[in-house]
C-alpha cells in the first residue's frame, strides 16, 4: 500500500471516521449522535437557538433551587396546628400545666390535618410487645433489627414499634409562582 498516495490517505481517513462514528453510535445507542446532528443543523439555521446554545456554554451549570415538595407536610402541620412555632419556641420558662394545655391543642389540630391528608398504615400489624417473625428478604428500610442480630433470617423478636407507612398522600399543590420553601408566611397587621 502506497501511504504517500492521496487516494489511499483519503480512503484511510474516511474509514477511520466511519469507524469512530460507528463506535460512538454503538456506545451511546445513537441517541447522542442524532441529538448532536439535530443541534448542529438547528444552530446553523436558527439564530435565536444558536444564542441559547452559546449561553449554555458561557454560563455553565445553573444552581438549582431545592424542591419544597418534602416540606409540604411540615407546612401543613404549621398552618393547621402551629407545630413549628411550638418546636422552635423556648419552653423552659413555662410550667407543666401551660405546656400541657398548649401541647393538647397542637396535637389535636396536627392530628386532624395529618388524618385528612395522609393515610397511614402500620408496617407490622401487631401490638407492641408481641412476638413477630421477620422473614428472609425483608425490606431493611421498613424493618430495623435491634439487639443481637446474627445469623440469617427468619428472625424472631419482640415488636417495639409497628412502624408507619404512608398508604396515600393528599397534600395540596402550591399555586404557580409560590415559593415552596416558605413554610409559614410572615404576618403583618396593618393599622
Foldseek 3Di string as FASTA:
>chain_A
DDPVDPVVVVVVVVVVVVVVVVVVCVVVVPPVVVVVVVLVVCLVPPVVSVVVVVVCVVVDDDDDDDDLVVVLLVLQLCVFQVVVVVVPDDCPPPDPVVVVVSCVRSVVRSVVSCVVFWDKDFQAPDDFFDKDWAAAPHDCVRDPDDDDDDDGDRDIDTHHGRGMDTPGGHGDDDDPPDDSNDSDDDDDDDD
